[in-house]
PDB file of N, CA and C in Angstrom:
ATOM      1  N   MET A   1     117.521  -0.344  20.229  1.00  0.00           N
ATOM      2  CA  MET A   1     118.199  -0.758  21.457  1.00  0.00           C
ATOM      3  C   MET A   1     119.674  -1.029  21.225  1.00  0.00           C
ATOM      4  N   GLY A   2     120.076  -1.279  20.001  1.00  0.00           N
ATOM      5  CA  GLY A   2     121.464  -1.536  19.694  1.00  0.00           C
ATOM      6  C   GLY A   2     122.361  -0.368  20.061  1.00  0.00           C
ATOM      7  N   ARG A   3     121.809   0.849  20.003  1.00  0.00           N
ATOM      8  CA  ARG A   3     122.622   2.020  20.320  1.00  0.00           C
ATOM      9  C   ARG A   3     123.036   2.055  21.786  1.00  0.00           C
ATOM     10  N   SER A   4     122.202   1.524  22.676  1.00  0.00           N
ATOM     11  CA  SER A   4     122.541   1.561  24.097  1.00  0.00           C
ATOM     12  C   SER A   4     123.738   0.665  24.410  1.00  0.00           C
ATOM     13  N   GLU A   5     124.038  -0.278  23.508  1.00  0.00           N
ATOM     14  CA  GLU A   5     125.183  -1.146  23.722  1.00  0.00           C
ATOM     15  C   GLU A   5     126.489  -0.426  23.410  1.00  0.00           C
ATOM     16  N   GLN A   6     126.416   0.624  22.603  1.00  0.00           N
ATOM     17  CA  GLN A   6     127.614   1.374  22.270  1.00  0.00           C
ATOM     18  C   GLN A   6     128.030   2.233  23.449  1.00  0.00           C
ATOM     19  N   THR A   7     129.331   2.403  23.585  1.00  0.00           N
ATOM     20  CA  THR A   7     129.827   3.277  24.636  1.00  0.00           C
ATOM     21  C   THR A   7     129.559   4.723  24.236  1.00  0.00           C
ATOM     22  N   GLN A   8     128.921   5.449  25.115  1.00  0.00           N
ATOM     23  CA  GLN A   8     128.656   6.854  24.841  1.00  0.00           C
ATOM     24  C   GLN A   8     129.921   7.643  25.146  1.00  0.00           C
ATOM     25  N   THR A   9     130.332   8.456  24.197  1.00  0.00           N
ATOM     26  CA  THR A   9     131.521   9.267  24.416  1.00  0.00           C
ATOM     27  C   THR A   9     131.102  10.719  24.575  1.00  0.00           C
ATOM     28  N   PRO A  10     131.634  11.391  25.571  1.00  0.00           N
ATOM     29  CA  PRO A  10     131.325  12.805  25.762  1.00  0.00           C
ATOM     30  C   PRO A  10     131.824  13.630  24.580  1.00  0.00           C
ATOM     31  N   GLN A  11     131.127  14.710  24.313  1.00  0.00           N
ATOM     32  CA  GLN A  11     131.545  15.614  23.251  1.00  0.00           C
ATOM     33  C   GLN A  11     132.415  16.717  23.841  1.00  0.00           C
ATOM     34  N   VAL A  12     133.588  16.859  23.266  1.00  0.00           N
ATOM     35  CA  VAL A  12     134.519  17.910  23.674  1.00  0.00           C
ATOM     36  C   VAL A  12     134.477  18.989  22.603  1.00  0.00           C
ATOM     37  N   VAL A  13     134.270  20.236  23.024  1.00  0.00           N
ATOM     38  CA  VAL A  13     134.188  21.363  22.092  1.00  0.00           C
ATOM     39  C   VAL A  13     135.323  22.329  22.400  1.00  0.00           C
ATOM     40  N   LEU A  14     136.019  22.724  21.347  1.00  0.00           N
ATOM     41  CA  LEU A  14     137.076  23.731  21.441  1.00  0.00           C
ATOM     42  C   LEU A  14     136.589  24.994  20.739  1.00  0.00           C
ATOM     43  N   TYR A  15     136.398  26.063  21.497  1.00  0.00           N
ATOM     44  CA  TYR A  15     136.080  27.371  20.922  1.00  0.00           C
ATOM     45  C   TYR A  15     137.406  28.071  20.679  1.00  0.00           C
ATOM     46  N   LYS A  16     137.609  28.519  19.436  1.00  0.00           N
ATOM     47  CA  LYS A  16     138.912  29.047  19.067  1.00  0.00           C
ATOM     48  C   LYS A  16     138.751  30.224  18.116  1.00  0.00           C
ATOM     49  N   SER A  17     139.882  30.846  17.812  1.00  0.00           N
ATOM     50  CA  SER A  17     139.913  31.950  16.873  1.00  0.00           C
ATOM     51  C   SER A  17     141.129  31.792  15.966  1.00  0.00           C
ATOM     52  N   GLU A  18     140.988  32.223  14.739  1.00  0.00           N
ATOM     53  CA  GLU A  18     142.088  32.163  13.778  1.00  0.00           C
ATOM     54  C   GLU A  18     143.243  33.037  14.259  1.00  0.00           C
ATOM     55  N   GLY A  19     144.460  32.521  14.141  1.00  0.00           N
ATOM     56  CA  GLY A  19     145.633  33.292  14.520  1.00  0.00           C
ATOM     57  C   GLY A  19     145.916  33.324  16.013  1.00  0.00           C
ATOM     58  N   CYS A  20     145.216  32.545  16.777  1.00  0.00           N
ATOM     59  CA  CYS A  20     145.392  32.500  18.238  1.00  0.00           C
ATOM     60  C   CYS A  20     146.395  31.390  18.565  1.00  0.00           C
ATOM     61  N   HIS A  21     147.588  31.773  19.039  1.00  0.00           N
ATOM     62  CA  HIS A  21     148.607  30.755  19.313  1.00  0.00           C
ATOM     63  C   HIS A  21     148.208  29.843  20.472  1.00  0.00           C
ATOM     64  N   LEU A  22     147.484  30.373  21.451  1.00  0.00           N
ATOM     65  CA  LEU A  22     147.020  29.519  22.544  1.00  0.00           C
ATOM     66  C   LEU A  22     145.996  28.499  22.038  1.00  0.00           C
ATOM     67  N   CYS A  23     145.192  28.905  21.060  1.00  0.00           N
ATOM     68  CA  CYS A  23     144.205  27.992  20.476  1.00  0.00           C
ATOM     69  C   CYS A  23     144.901  26.847  19.747  1.00  0.00           C
ATOM     70  N   GLU A  24     145.957  27.170  19.011  1.00  0.00           N
ATOM     71  CA  GLU A  24     146.703  26.133  18.299  1.00  0.00           C
ATOM     72  C   GLU A  24     147.349  25.161  19.281  1.00  0.00           C
ATOM     73  N   ARG A  25     147.862  25.699  20.363  1.00  0.00           N
ATOM     74  CA  ARG A  25     148.470  24.842  21.399  1.00  0.00           C
ATOM     75  C   ARG A  25     147.413  23.928  22.026  1.00  0.00           C
ATOM     76  N   ALA A  26     146.249  24.489  22.335  1.00  0.00           N
ATOM     77  CA  ALA A  26     145.168  23.692  22.923  1.00  0.00           C
ATOM     78  C   ALA A  26     144.716  22.604  21.955  1.00  0.00           C
ATOM     79  N   LYS A  27     144.619  22.946  20.689  1.00  0.00           N
ATOM     80  CA  LYS A  27     144.213  21.975  19.668  1.00  0.00           C
ATOM     81  C   LYS A  27     145.189  20.805  19.620  1.00  0.00           C
ATOM     82  N   ALA A  28     146.481  21.095  19.666  1.00  0.00           N
ATOM     83  CA  ALA A  28     147.503  20.042  19.651  1.00  0.00           C
ATOM     84  C   ALA A  28     147.408  19.172  20.908  1.00  0.00           C
ATOM     85  N   GLN A  29     147.196  19.805  22.062  1.00  0.00           N
ATOM     86  CA  GLN A  29     147.071  19.036  23.302  1.00  0.00           C
ATOM     87  C   GLN A  29     145.838  18.143  23.260  1.00  0.00           C
ATOM     88  N   LEU A  30     144.737  18.677  22.761  1.00  0.00           N
ATOM     89  CA  LEU A  30     143.512  17.883  22.670  1.00  0.00           C
ATOM     90  C   LEU A  30     143.670  16.732  21.682  1.00  0.00           C
ATOM     91  N   ALA A  31     144.411  16.946  20.598  1.00  0.00           N
ATOM     92  CA  ALA A  31     144.657  15.863  19.631  1.00  0.00           C
ATOM     93  C   ALA A  31     145.412  14.719  20.304  1.00  0.00           C
ATOM     94  N   ALA A  32     146.409  15.049  21.110  1.00  0.00           N
ATOM     95  CA  ALA A  32     147.167  14.022  21.823  1.00  0.00           C
ATOM     96  C   ALA A  32     146.284  13.301  22.848  1.00  0.00           C
ATOM     97  N   LEU A  33     145.485  14.061  23.584  1.00  0.00           N
ATOM     98  CA  LEU A  33     144.589  13.460  24.569  1.00  0.00           C
ATOM     99  C   LEU A  33     143.517  12.612  23.898  1.00  0.00           C
ATOM    100  N   ARG A  34     143.087  13.047  22.721  1.00  0.00           N
ATOM    101  CA  ARG A  34     142.061  12.284  21.997  1.00  0.00           C
ATOM    102  C   ARG A  34     142.589  10.915  21.598  1.00  0.00           C
ATOM    103  N   LYS A  35     143.850  10.842  21.161  1.00  0.00           N
ATOM    104  CA  LYS A  35     144.456   9.551  20.811  1.00  0.00           C
ATOM    105  C   LYS A  35     144.491   8.631  22.028  1.00  0.00           C
ATOM    106  N   GLU A  36     144.770   9.223  23.168  1.00  0.00           N
ATOM    107  CA  GLU A  36     144.877   8.448  24.409  1.00  0.00           C
ATOM    108  C   GLU A  36     143.509   8.037  24.954  1.00  0.00           C
ATOM    109  N   LEU A  37     142.554   8.973  24.942  1.00  0.00           N
ATOM    110  CA  LEU A  37     141.297   8.780  25.662  1.00  0.00           C
ATOM    111  C   LEU A  37     140.088   8.494  24.773  1.00  0.00           C
ATOM    112  N   GLY A  38     140.176   8.822  23.501  1.00  0.00           N
ATOM    113  CA  GLY A  38     139.085   8.548  22.571  1.00  0.00           C
ATOM    114  C   GLY A  38     137.820   9.330  22.872  1.00  0.00           C
ATOM    115  N   PHE A  39     137.712  10.513  22.349  1.00  0.00           N
ATOM    116  CA  PHE A  39     136.501  11.319  22.512  1.00  0.00           C
ATOM    117  C   PHE A  39     136.244  12.084  21.224  1.00  0.00           C
ATOM    118  N   GLU A  40     135.014  12.545  21.077  1.00  0.00           N
ATOM    119  CA  GLU A  40     134.646  13.330  19.908  1.00  0.00           C
ATOM    120  C   GLU A  40     135.069  14.776  20.138  1.00  0.00           C
ATOM    121  N   LEU A  41     135.768  15.349  19.165  1.00  0.00           N
ATOM    122  CA  LEU A  41     136.218  16.739  19.279  1.00  0.00           C
ATOM    123  C   LEU A  41     135.563  17.569  18.190  1.00  0.00           C
ATOM    124  N   VAL A  42     134.921  18.661  18.613  1.00  0.00           N
ATOM    125  CA  VAL A  42     134.308  19.610  17.691  1.00  0.00           C
ATOM    126  C   VAL A  42     135.017  20.933  17.879  1.00  0.00           C
ATOM    127  N   GLU A  43     135.453  21.521  16.772  1.00  0.00           N
ATOM    128  CA  GLU A  43     136.121  22.824  16.825  1.00  0.00           C
ATOM    129  C   GLU A  43     135.161  23.881  16.300  1.00  0.00           C
ATOM    130  N   ILE A  44     134.998  24.958  17.059  1.00  0.00           N
ATOM    131  CA  ILE A  44     134.102  26.040  16.658  1.00  0.00           C
ATOM    132  C   ILE A  44     134.888  27.343  16.650  1.00  0.00           C
ATOM    133  N   ALA A  45     134.956  27.954  15.475  1.00  0.00           N
ATOM    134  CA  ALA A  45     135.598  29.264  15.342  1.00  0.00           C
ATOM    135  C   ALA A  45     134.583  30.329  15.743  1.00  0.00           C
ATOM    136  N   ILE A  46     134.998  31.274  16.566  1.00  0.00           N
ATOM    137  CA  ILE A  46     134.059  32.269  17.086  1.00  0.00           C
ATOM    138  C   ILE A  46     133.939  33.495  16.188  1.00  0.00           C
ATOM    139  N   GLU A  47     134.854  33.685  15.223  1.00  0.00           N
ATOM    140  CA  GLU A  47     134.811  34.867  14.370  1.00  0.00           C
ATOM    141  C   GLU A  47     133.506  34.931  13.601  1.00  0.00           C
ATOM    142  N   GLY A  48     132.968  36.135  13.510  1.00  0.00           N
ATOM    143  CA  GLY A  48     131.769  36.351  12.712  1.00  0.00           C
ATOM    144  C   GLY A  48     130.470  36.036  13.426  1.00  0.00           C
ATOM    145  N   ASP A  49     130.545  35.521  14.639  1.00  0.00           N
ATOM    146  CA  ASP A  49     129.341  35.235  15.414  1.00  0.00           C
ATOM    147  C   ASP A  49     129.354  36.145  16.641  1.00  0.00           C
ATOM    148  N   PRO A  50     128.557  37.215  16.635  1.00  0.00           N
ATOM    149  CA  PRO A  50     128.607  38.185  17.736  1.00  0.00           C
ATOM    150  C   PRO A  50     128.369  37.575  19.123  1.00  0.00           C
ATOM    151  N   GLU A  51     127.481  36.595  19.206  1.00  0.00           N
ATOM    152  CA  GLU A  51     127.208  35.966  20.498  1.00  0.00           C
ATOM    153  C   GLU A  51     128.430  35.193  21.004  1.00  0.00           C
ATOM    154  N   LEU A  52     129.034  34.399  20.121  1.00  0.00           N
ATOM    155  CA  LEU A  52     130.226  33.644  20.511  1.00  0.00           C
ATOM    156  C   LEU A  52     131.393  34.581  20.806  1.00  0.00           C
ATOM    157  N   GLU A  53     131.529  35.632  20.004  1.00  0.00           N
ATOM    158  CA  GLU A  53     132.589  36.624  20.237  1.00  0.00           C
ATOM    159  C   GLU A  53     132.456  37.226  21.637  1.00  0.00           C
ATOM    160  N   SER A  54     131.254  37.641  21.991  1.00  0.00           N
ATOM    161  CA  SER A  54     131.080  38.288  23.302  1.00  0.00           C
ATOM    162  C   SER A  54     131.249  37.298  24.449  1.00  0.00           C
ATOM    163  N   ARG A  55     130.877  36.047  24.225  1.00  0.00           N
ATOM    164  CA  ARG A  55     130.962  35.038  25.281  1.00  0.00           C
ATOM    165  C   ARG A  55     132.390  34.529  25.494  1.00  0.00           C
ATOM    166  N   TYR A  56     133.159  34.386  24.393  1.00  0.00           N
ATOM    167  CA  TYR A  56     134.428  33.684  24.499  1.00  0.00           C
ATOM    168  C   TYR A  56     135.677  34.491  24.165  1.00  0.00           C
ATOM    169  N   ARG A  57     135.560  35.647  23.542  1.00  0.00           N
ATOM    170  CA  ARG A  57     136.730  36.367  23.025  1.00  0.00           C
ATOM    171  C   ARG A  57     137.835  36.545  24.059  1.00  0.00           C
ATOM    172  N   GLU A  58     137.500  36.933  25.271  1.00  0.00           N
ATOM    173  CA  GLU A  58     138.527  37.194  26.290  1.00  0.00           C
ATOM    174  C   GLU A  58     139.035  35.923  26.969  1.00  0.00           C
ATOM    175  N   LEU A  59     138.457  34.773  26.629  1.00  0.00           N
ATOM    176  CA  LEU A  59     138.788  33.528  27.329  1.00  0.00           C
ATOM    177  C   LEU A  59     139.452  32.475  26.449  1.00  0.00           C
ATOM    178  N   ILE A  60     139.402  32.661  25.118  1.00  0.00           N
ATOM    179  CA  ILE A  60     139.842  31.585  24.227  1.00  0.00           C
ATOM    180  C   ILE A  60     141.305  31.221  24.436  1.00  0.00           C
ATOM    181  N   PRO A  61     141.597  29.968  24.211  1.00  0.00           N
ATOM    182  CA  PRO A  61     140.677  28.906  23.847  1.00  0.00           C
ATOM    183  C   PRO A  61     139.835  28.462  25.045  1.00  0.00           C
ATOM    184  N   VAL A  62     138.625  28.051  24.750  1.00  0.00           N
ATOM    185  CA  VAL A  62     137.721  27.518  25.769  1.00  0.00           C
ATOM    186  C   VAL A  62     137.411  26.080  25.378  1.00  0.00           C
ATOM    187  N   VAL A  63     137.508  25.175  26.354  1.00  0.00           N
ATOM    188  CA  VAL A  63     137.189  23.773  26.126  1.00  0.00           C
ATOM    189  C   VAL A  63     136.021  23.403  27.024  1.00  0.00           C
ATOM    190  N   GLU A  64     135.004  22.792  26.412  1.00  0.00           N
ATOM    191  CA  GLU A  64     133.845  22.308  27.158  1.00  0.00           C
ATOM    192  C   GLU A  64     133.706  20.814  26.934  1.00  0.00           C
ATOM    193  N   ILE A  65     133.240  20.124  27.964  1.00  0.00           N
ATOM    194  CA  ILE A  65     132.887  18.710  27.855  1.00  0.00           C
ATOM    195  C   ILE A  65     131.397  18.612  28.130  1.00  0.00           C
ATOM    196  N   ASP A  66     130.657  18.143  27.141  1.00  0.00           N
ATOM    197  CA  ASP A  66     129.198  18.038  27.241  1.00  0.00           C
ATOM    198  C   ASP A  66     128.573  19.339  27.745  1.00  0.00           C
ATOM    199  N   GLY A  67     129.059  20.456  27.225  1.00  0.00           N
ATOM    200  CA  GLY A  67     128.478  21.754  27.560  1.00  0.00           C
ATOM    201  C   GLY A  67     128.996  22.393  28.830  1.00  0.00           C
ATOM    202  N   GLU A  68     129.865  21.720  29.555  1.00  0.00           N
ATOM    203  CA  GLU A  68     130.435  22.272  30.788  1.00  0.00           C
ATOM    204  C   GLU A  68     131.853  22.771  30.523  1.00  0.00           C
ATOM    205  N   ARG A  69     132.101  24.027  30.833  1.00  0.00           N
ATOM    206  CA  ARG A  69     133.429  24.604  30.627  1.00  0.00           C
ATOM    207  C   ARG A  69     134.421  23.948  31.575  1.00  0.00           C
ATOM    208  N   VAL A  70     135.519  23.436  30.992  1.00  0.00           N
ATOM    209  CA  VAL A  70     136.534  22.766  31.800  1.00  0.00           C
ATOM    210  C   VAL A  70     137.908  23.407  31.690  1.00  0.00           C
ATOM    211  N   CYS A  71     138.149  24.172  30.627  1.00  0.00           N
ATOM    212  CA  CYS A  71     139.454  24.816  30.445  1.00  0.00           C
ATOM    213  C   CYS A  71     139.281  26.161  29.753  1.00  0.00           C
ATOM    214  N   THR A  72     140.077  27.116  30.168  1.00  0.00           N
ATOM    215  CA  THR A  72     140.226  28.366  29.434  1.00  0.00           C
ATOM    216  C   THR A  72     141.720  28.660  29.353  1.00  0.00           C
ATOM    217  N   TYR A  73     142.141  29.280  28.275  1.00  0.00           N
ATOM    218  CA  TYR A  73     143.528  29.652  28.019  1.00  0.00           C
ATOM    219  C   TYR A  73     144.452  28.459  27.781  1.00  0.00           C
ATOM    220  N   TYR A  74     144.455  27.502  28.685  1.00  0.00           N
ATOM    221  CA  TYR A  74     145.362  26.351  28.593  1.00  0.00           C
ATOM    222  C   TYR A  74     144.599  25.061  28.886  1.00  0.00           C
ATOM    223  N   VAL A  75     145.015  23.977  28.242  1.00  0.00           N
ATOM    224  CA  VAL A  75     144.480  22.652  28.556  1.00  0.00           C
ATOM    225  C   VAL A  75     145.433  22.024  29.557  1.00  0.00           C
ATOM    226  N   GLN A  76     144.915  21.736  30.732  1.00  0.00           N
ATOM    227  CA  GLN A  76     145.724  21.054  31.741  1.00  0.00           C
ATOM    228  C   GLN A  76     145.340  19.573  31.692  1.00  0.00           C
ATOM    229  N   PRO A  77     146.264  18.707  31.268  1.00  0.00           N
ATOM    230  CA  PRO A  77     145.923  17.310  31.003  1.00  0.00           C
ATOM    231  C   PRO A  77     145.273  16.560  32.160  1.00  0.00           C
ATOM    232  N   GLU A  78     145.798  16.694  33.368  1.00  0.00           N
ATOM    233  CA  GLU A  78     145.234  15.905  34.472  1.00  0.00           C
ATOM    234  C   GLU A  78     143.802  16.321  34.828  1.00  0.00           C
ATOM    235  N   PRO A  79     143.525  17.611  35.028  1.00  0.00           N
ATOM    236  CA  PRO A  79     142.126  17.993  35.271  1.00  0.00           C
ATOM    237  C   PRO A  79     141.210  17.619  34.100  1.00  0.00           C
ATOM    238  N   PHE A  80     141.703  17.739  32.865  1.00  0.00           N
ATOM    239  CA  PHE A  80     140.910  17.360  31.701  1.00  0.00           C
ATOM    240  C   PHE A  80     140.560  15.873  31.766  1.00  0.00           C
ATOM    241  N   ARG A  81     141.551  15.029  32.065  1.00  0.00           N
ATOM    242  CA  ARG A  81     141.306  13.586  32.170  1.00  0.00           C
ATOM    243  C   ARG A  81     140.241  13.284  33.227  1.00  0.00           C
ATOM    244  N   ARG A  82     140.344  13.945  34.383  1.00  0.00           N
ATOM    245  CA  ARG A  82     139.368  13.713  35.461  1.00  0.00           C
ATOM    246  C   ARG A  82     137.959  14.105  35.019  1.00  0.00           C
ATOM    247  N   LYS A  83     137.837  15.266  34.395  1.00  0.00           N
ATOM    248  CA  LYS A  83     136.512  15.735  33.948  1.00  0.00           C
ATOM    249  C   LYS A  83     135.955  14.818  32.861  1.00  0.00           C
ATOM    250  N   LEU A  84     136.806  14.371  31.941  1.00  0.00           N
ATOM    251  CA  LEU A  84     136.346  13.485  30.879  1.00  0.00           C
ATOM    252  C   LEU A  84     135.909  12.141  31.454  1.00  0.00           C
ATOM    253  N   THR A  85     136.682  11.603  32.384  1.00  0.00           N
ATOM    254  CA  THR A  85     136.327  10.335  33.022  1.00  0.00           C
ATOM    255  C   THR A  85     134.986  10.452  33.739  1.00  0.00           C
ATOM    256  N   ALA A  86     134.762  11.567  34.432  1.00  0.00           N
ATOM    257  CA  ALA A  86     133.488  11.790  35.124  1.00  0.00           C
ATOM    258  C   ALA A  86     132.340  11.880  34.119  1.00  0.00           C
ATOM    259  N   ALA A  87     132.571  12.558  32.998  1.00  0.00           N
ATOM    260  CA  ALA A  87     131.532  12.684  31.969  1.00  0.00           C
ATOM    261  C   ALA A  87     131.239  11.319  31.340  1.00  0.00           C
ATOM    262  N   GLN A  88     132.274  10.506  31.132  1.00  0.00           N
ATOM    263  CA  GLN A  88     132.075   9.174  30.568  1.00  0.00           C
ATOM    264  C   GLN A  88     131.263   8.313  31.529  1.00  0.00           C
ATOM    265  N   ALA A  89     131.574   8.395  32.818  1.00  0.00           N
ATOM    266  CA  ALA A  89     130.842   7.622  33.815  1.00  0.00           C
ATOM    267  C   ALA A  89     129.377   8.069  33.870  1.00  0.00           C
ATOM    268  N   ALA A  90     129.138   9.364  33.788  1.00  0.00           N
ATOM    269  CA  ALA A  90     127.767   9.885  33.803  1.00  0.00           C
ATOM    270  C   ALA A  90     126.999   9.405  32.573  1.00  0.00           C
ATOM    271  N   ALA A  91     127.663   9.364  31.412  1.00  0.00           N
ATOM    272  CA  ALA A  91     127.024   8.921  30.183  1.00  0.00           C
ATOM    273  C   ALA A  91     126.645   7.439  30.279  1.00  0.00           C
ATOM    274  N   GLU A  92     127.525   6.650  30.856  1.00  0.00           N
ATOM    275  CA  GLU A  92     127.249   5.227  31.014  1.00  0.00           C
ATOM    276  C   GLU A  92     126.093   5.004  31.972  1.00  0.00           C
ATOM    277  N   THR A  93     126.055   5.769  33.056  1.00  0.00           N
ATOM    278  CA  THR A  93     124.981   5.637  34.041  1.00  0.00           C
ATOM    279  C   THR A  93     123.637   6.032  33.433  1.00  0.00           C
ATOM    280  N   SER A  94     123.614   7.127  32.672  1.00  0.00           N
ATOM    281  CA  SER A  94     122.358   7.592  32.082  1.00  0.00           C
ATOM    282  C   SER A  94     121.911   6.683  30.943  1.00  0.00           C
ATOM    283  N   GLY A  95     122.825   5.915  30.381  1.00  0.00           N
ATOM    284  CA  GLY A  95     122.488   5.018  29.288  1.00  0.00           C
ATOM    285  C   GLY A  95     121.819   3.741  29.748  1.00  0.00           C
ATOM    286  N   LEU A  96     121.816   3.474  31.054  1.00  0.00           N
ATOM    287  CA  LEU A  96     121.222   2.235  31.579  1.00  0.00           C
ATOM    288  C   LEU A  96     119.741   2.278  31.626  1.00  0.00           C
TER     289      LEU A  96
END
């Protein structure tokens, strides 16, 4: 029961590719937002995985919050904040 007392943080996933300048920009933006908002960030490189390549190659970088796609190509801070806040509220509600 001690775990329910902890604040649940949504998982943010960045799908990226090596040498992608937009991916590097998104990573930097997410690092800044992470300092401000405090969330878990997982980076997944799509190279070498045919399924990920076919799903994300034309869209990278892709950012998902708890499995929901919220950004492609660029991270827009205000919409990202709104989606993260909604995910945090949903996590708190489901934790009750």
